[in-house]
C-alpha atoms as a PDB file:
ATOM      1  CA  MET A   1      -3.257  -7.277 -29.317  1.00  0.00           C
ATOM      2  CA  PRO A   2      -3.853  -8.343 -25.705  1.00  0.00           C
ATOM      3  CA  THR A   3      -5.152  -5.813 -23.225  1.00  0.00           C
ATOM      4  CA  PRO A   4      -3.165  -4.928 -20.089  1.00  0.00           C
ATOM      5  CA  ARG A   5      -5.621  -7.047 -18.086  1.00  0.00           C
ATOM      6  CA  GLU A   6      -5.096 -10.044 -20.351  1.00  0.00           C
ATOM      7  CA  SER A   7      -1.318  -9.594 -20.337  1.00  0.00           C
ATOM      8  CA  ILE A   8      -1.150  -9.504 -16.551  1.00  0.00           C
ATOM      9  CA  ALA A   9      -3.402 -12.559 -16.218  1.00  0.00           C
ATOM     10  CA  ALA A  10      -1.311 -14.432 -18.800  1.00  0.00           C
ATOM     11  CA  GLN A  11       1.905 -13.680 -16.895  1.00  0.00           C
ATOM     12  CA  LEU A  12       0.338 -14.838 -13.628  1.00  0.00           C
ATOM     13  CA  ARG A  13      -0.848 -18.042 -15.326  1.00  0.00           C
ATOM     14  CA  THR A  14       2.647 -18.658 -16.687  1.00  0.00           C
ATOM     15  CA  ASP A  15       4.286 -18.192 -13.303  1.00  0.00           C
ATOM     16  CA  LEU A  16       1.639 -19.517 -10.908  1.00  0.00           C
ATOM     17  CA  VAL A  17      -0.240 -22.197 -12.872  1.00  0.00           C
ATOM     18  CA  THR A  18       1.662 -23.609 -15.864  1.00  0.00           C
ATOM     19  CA  GLY A  19       3.909 -26.537 -15.036  1.00  0.00           C
ATOM     20  CA  LYS A  20       2.830 -26.679 -11.399  1.00  0.00           C
ATOM     21  CA  PRO A  21       1.310 -29.756  -9.782  1.00  0.00           C
ATOM     22  CA  ALA A  22      -2.453 -29.329  -9.288  1.00  0.00           C
ATOM     23  CA  ALA A  23      -1.964 -28.906  -5.537  1.00  0.00           C
ATOM     24  CA  GLU A  24       0.278 -25.863  -6.107  1.00  0.00           C
ATOM     25  CA  ALA A  25      -1.414 -24.251  -9.117  1.00  0.00           C
ATOM     26  CA  TRP A  26      -3.402 -21.046  -8.602  1.00  0.00           C
ATOM     27  CA  ASP A  27      -6.740 -20.015 -10.046  1.00  0.00           C
ATOM     28  CA  VAL A  28      -6.359 -16.874 -12.193  1.00  0.00           C
ATOM     29  CA  TYR A  29      -9.360 -14.885 -13.451  1.00  0.00           C
ATOM     30  CA  ASP A  30      -9.070 -11.955 -15.873  1.00  0.00           C
ATOM     31  CA  TYR A  31     -12.425 -10.452 -14.909  1.00  0.00           C
ATOM     32  CA  PRO A  32     -14.089  -9.368 -11.651  1.00  0.00           C
ATOM     33  CA  PHE A  33     -14.923 -12.509  -9.714  1.00  0.00           C
ATOM     34  CA  THR A  34     -15.676 -13.315  -6.089  1.00  0.00           C
ATOM     35  CA  PRO A  35     -15.206 -17.005  -5.399  1.00  0.00           C
ATOM     36  CA  SER A  36     -17.592 -18.829  -3.106  1.00  0.00           C
ATOM     37  CA  GLU A  37     -14.612 -20.847  -1.891  1.00  0.00           C
ATOM     38  CA  VAL A  38     -10.877 -20.840  -2.458  1.00  0.00           C
ATOM     39  CA  THR A  39      -9.809 -24.379  -3.310  1.00  0.00           C
ATOM     40  CA  LYS A  40      -6.344 -23.657  -4.703  1.00  0.00           C
ATOM     41  CA  PRO A  41      -3.369 -22.287  -2.756  1.00  0.00           C
ATOM     42  CA  GLY A  42      -4.164 -18.849  -4.151  1.00  0.00           C
ATOM     43  CA  THR A  43      -6.666 -17.130  -6.377  1.00  0.00           C
ATOM     44  CA  ALA A  44      -5.814 -14.032  -8.408  1.00  0.00           C
ATOM     45  CA  VAL A  45      -8.446 -11.782  -9.974  1.00  0.00           C
ATOM     46  CA  VAL A  46      -7.376  -8.929 -12.276  1.00  0.00           C
ATOM     47  CA  TYR A  47      -9.542  -6.350 -14.001  1.00  0.00           C
ATOM     48  CA  ARG A  48      -9.232  -2.858 -15.474  1.00  0.00           C
ATOM     49  CA  THR A  49     -11.005  -0.085 -13.562  1.00  0.00           C
ATOM     50  CA  THR A  50     -10.061   3.101 -15.427  1.00  0.00           C
ATOM     51  CA  VAL A  51      -8.527   4.202 -18.720  1.00  0.00           C
ATOM     52  CA  LYS A  52      -7.503   7.819 -19.151  1.00  0.00           C
ATOM     53  CA  ARG A  53      -5.435   9.766 -21.632  1.00  0.00           C
ATOM     54  CA  THR A  54      -2.265  11.356 -20.308  1.00  0.00           C
ATOM     55  CA  GLY A  55      -0.655  13.400 -23.062  1.00  0.00           C
ATOM     56  CA  THR A  56       0.113  10.942 -25.840  1.00  0.00           C
ATOM     57  CA  HIS A  57      -0.294   7.862 -23.643  1.00  0.00           C
ATOM     58  CA  LEU A  58      -3.073   5.916 -21.971  1.00  0.00           C
ATOM     59  CA  ASP A  59      -3.034   5.132 -18.273  1.00  0.00           C
ATOM     60  CA  HIS A  60      -4.765   1.840 -17.498  1.00  0.00           C
ATOM     61  CA  GLU A  61      -5.609   1.500 -13.822  1.00  0.00           C
ATOM     62  CA  LEU A  62      -6.180  -2.094 -12.770  1.00  0.00           C
ATOM     63  CA  THR A  63      -7.122  -3.939  -9.615  1.00  0.00           C
ATOM     64  CA  LEU A  64      -5.533  -7.246  -8.735  1.00  0.00           C
ATOM     65  CA  GLN A  65      -7.138  -9.147  -5.876  1.00  0.00           C
ATOM     66  CA  LEU A  66      -5.295 -12.004  -4.237  1.00  0.00           C
ATOM     67  CA  TYR A  67      -7.446 -14.421  -2.239  1.00  0.00           C
ATOM     68  CA  GLY A  68      -5.845 -16.819   0.200  1.00  0.00           C
ATOM     69  CA  ARG A  69      -7.077 -19.723   2.248  1.00  0.00           C
ATOM     70  CA  GLY A  70      -7.340 -19.900   5.988  1.00  0.00           C
ATOM     71  CA  SER A  71      -8.650 -17.788   8.819  1.00  0.00           C
ATOM     72  CA  LEU A  72      -6.859 -15.112  10.774  1.00  0.00           C
ATOM     73  CA  GLY A  73      -3.654 -16.180  12.465  1.00  0.00           C
ATOM     74  CA  ALA A  74       0.107 -16.334  12.133  1.00  0.00           C
ATOM     75  CA  LYS A  75       0.094 -19.200   9.610  1.00  0.00           C
ATOM     76  CA  THR A  76      -2.388 -17.413   7.343  1.00  0.00           C
ATOM     77  CA  GLU A  77      -0.377 -14.184   7.483  1.00  0.00           C
ATOM     78  CA  ALA A  78       2.841 -16.006   6.590  1.00  0.00           C
ATOM     79  CA  ASP A  79       1.050 -17.728   3.690  1.00  0.00           C
ATOM     80  CA  LEU A  80      -0.380 -14.410   2.445  1.00  0.00           C
ATOM     81  CA  ASP A  81       3.046 -12.772   2.595  1.00  0.00           C
ATOM     82  CA  SER A  82       4.441 -15.620   0.494  1.00  0.00           C
ATOM     83  CA  ARG A  83       1.576 -15.321  -2.013  1.00  0.00           C
ATOM     84  CA  LEU A  84       2.117 -11.556  -2.282  1.00  0.00           C
ATOM     85  CA  ASP A  85       5.808 -12.201  -2.987  1.00  0.00           C
ATOM     86  CA  ASP A  86       4.834 -14.638  -5.772  1.00  0.00           C
ATOM     87  CA  VAL A  87       2.572 -12.061  -7.408  1.00  0.00           C
ATOM     88  CA  MET A  88       5.027  -9.176  -7.038  1.00  0.00           C
ATOM     89  CA  LEU A  89       7.815 -11.235  -8.635  1.00  0.00           C
ATOM     90  CA  SER A  90       5.552 -12.221 -11.511  1.00  0.00           C
ATOM     91  CA  LEU A  91       4.558  -8.606 -12.150  1.00  0.00           C
ATOM     92  CA  GLN A  92       8.233  -7.596 -12.347  1.00  0.00           C
ATOM     93  CA  LYS A  93       8.488  -9.537 -15.607  1.00  0.00           C
ATOM     94  CA  LEU A  94       6.057  -7.158 -17.333  1.00  0.00           C
ATOM     95  CA  ALA A  95       7.533  -3.895 -18.566  1.00  0.00           C
ATOM     96  CA  GLY A  96       5.206  -1.011 -17.918  1.00  0.00           C
ATOM     97  CA  VAL A  97       3.384  -2.373 -14.865  1.00  0.00           C
ATOM     98  CA  GLU A  98       3.666  -0.326 -11.706  1.00  0.00           C
ATOM     99  CA  VAL A  99       2.341  -1.517  -8.370  1.00  0.00           C
ATOM    100  CA  ARG A 100       1.022   1.655  -6.824  1.00  0.00           C
ATOM    101  CA  LYS A 101      -0.254   0.093  -3.621  1.00  0.00           C
ATOM    102  CA  ALA A 102      -0.853  -3.308  -2.014  1.00  0.00           C
ATOM    103  CA  GLU A 103      -3.398  -3.317   0.778  1.00  0.00           C
ATOM    104  CA  ARG A 104      -4.303  -6.163   3.129  1.00  0.00           C
ATOM    105  CA  LYS A 105      -8.025  -6.988   2.801  1.00  0.00           C
ATOM    106  CA  THR A 106     -10.731  -9.362   3.936  1.00  0.00           C
ATOM    107  CA  PHE A 107     -13.038 -10.214   1.028  1.00  0.00           C
ATOM    108  CA  ALA A 108     -16.708 -11.137   1.492  1.00  0.00           C
ATOM    109  CA  ASP A 109     -16.098 -11.155   5.255  1.00  0.00           C
ATOM    110  CA  VAL A 110     -14.396 -14.539   4.776  1.00  0.00           C
ATOM    111  CA  PHE A 111     -11.314 -14.609   2.555  1.00  0.00           C
ATOM    112  CA  GLN A 112      -8.041 -13.124   3.700  1.00  0.00           C
ATOM    113  CA  GLY A 113      -5.956 -11.512   0.998  1.00  0.00           C
ATOM    114  CA  TRP A 114      -4.429  -8.509  -0.713  1.00  0.00           C
ATOM    115  CA  GLU A 115      -5.732  -5.915  -3.142  1.00  0.00           C
ATOM    116  CA  LEU A 116      -3.164  -4.318  -5.438  1.00  0.00           C
ATOM    117  CA  ASP A 117      -3.669  -1.095  -7.357  1.00  0.00           C
ATOM    118  CA  LEU A 118      -1.739  -1.340 -10.628  1.00  0.00           C
ATOM    119  CA  LEU A 119      -0.888   1.135 -13.371  1.00  0.00           C
ATOM    120  CA  TRP A 120      -0.027   0.128 -16.938  1.00  0.00           C
ATOM    121  CA  VAL A 121       1.018   2.907 -19.313  1.00  0.00           C
ATOM    122  CA  SER A 122       0.636   2.289 -23.049  1.00  0.00           C
ATOM    123  CA  SER A 123       0.694   4.251 -26.249  1.00  0.00           C
ATOM    124  CA  ASP A 124      -2.653   5.666 -27.307  1.00  0.00           C
ATOM    125  CA  ILE A 125      -3.600   2.857 -29.679  1.00  0.00           C
ATOM    126  CA  TYR A 126      -6.909   4.528 -30.496  1.00  0.00           C
ATOM    127  CA  LYS A 127      -5.342   7.768 -31.677  1.00  0.00           C
ATOM    128  CA  ALA A 128      -2.646   5.883 -33.563  1.00  0.00           C
ATOM    129  CA  SER A 129      -5.228   3.874 -35.512  1.00  0.00           C
ATOM    130  CA  ILE A 130      -6.842   6.884 -37.240  1.00  0.00           C
END
């Protein structure tokens, strides 16, 4: 059974990579990763930060980082808004994913982007297995 992190990365790959020409395809990583350069139109990094039991369910808190290309300026901001729209639309296809917050960030003092705080609620698979 795929983890929430793997499921989110798979959906992003389906929507942002598969079937796209190389010049439009994103890089998607399902683990913490800081690129030394962004060579694709966008780079998405998703990883789980917390798992906690809430009643009979598990809350999986995840971070999704979206790296864009370009320096500060109107063109970069427009591109980042478009990339955020792409990610938000992709996430809508996954039942159970809630975007709690999307915050504009600069990563490694170089890359402009967004950091999204996500919540995925699942059954408690650990309790159910005993």
